């Protein structure tokens, strides 16, 4: 019988400890996150579940994609209240740095003409997204709106990050698809893989909860 992976403790690190190291991890994680989004977009093989939801809501409401993204983020932040999650520098930086990095990466990445290149971009994008999520959440500057929902449910339910993240992504994916969002093979790969990837990467890239020396 295999042992269940231990829960990752995100609550014991004092906020004042190692600010420079944590800030580097935060920015690196957010830049990588935006880059991973651009890789998935350029692959042309499907949107991530949250973007499927955004597209479906935009189509249903007849409004812009960016407006729906902002409104969804605000609603998700309201869900933080019963989960007792508090926004931090990482919450604000998530919006700004990810937006800048995804635009920069889209300018650098050319349009894909080869199916093989598209598959490589998809796989690389999903892997980078898992590592990026664990890196910036593990910096302890506060998660983005959607990842704060993940960590809040993780803390309150006792379920693993893998189970919580996968459950959220699948629920969002199905809702977005029913509303008319675009679903592809990349969507399914992301929804099923992101939870286990974050669970595996968190102990490696997150700031240690032990004091140095």
Foldseek 3Di string as FASTA:
>chain_A
DDDDDDADDLPQAPPPPPLVLLVVLQLVLLLLQLLLQLLLVLLVFFHALLQLQLVLVCVVVVHDSVVSVVVVLVVLQVVVVVLVFDAFPSQVCNVVSSVVNNVVNNVVDDRDDDNVSSVVSLVVSLLSNLLSQLRNSLSSRGHHSVVSSLVSCCVPVVDHSLVSQLVVRVVSNVNSVVSPGDGGPSRVCNSNPNSVSNRVNNVPNHDDRDHDD
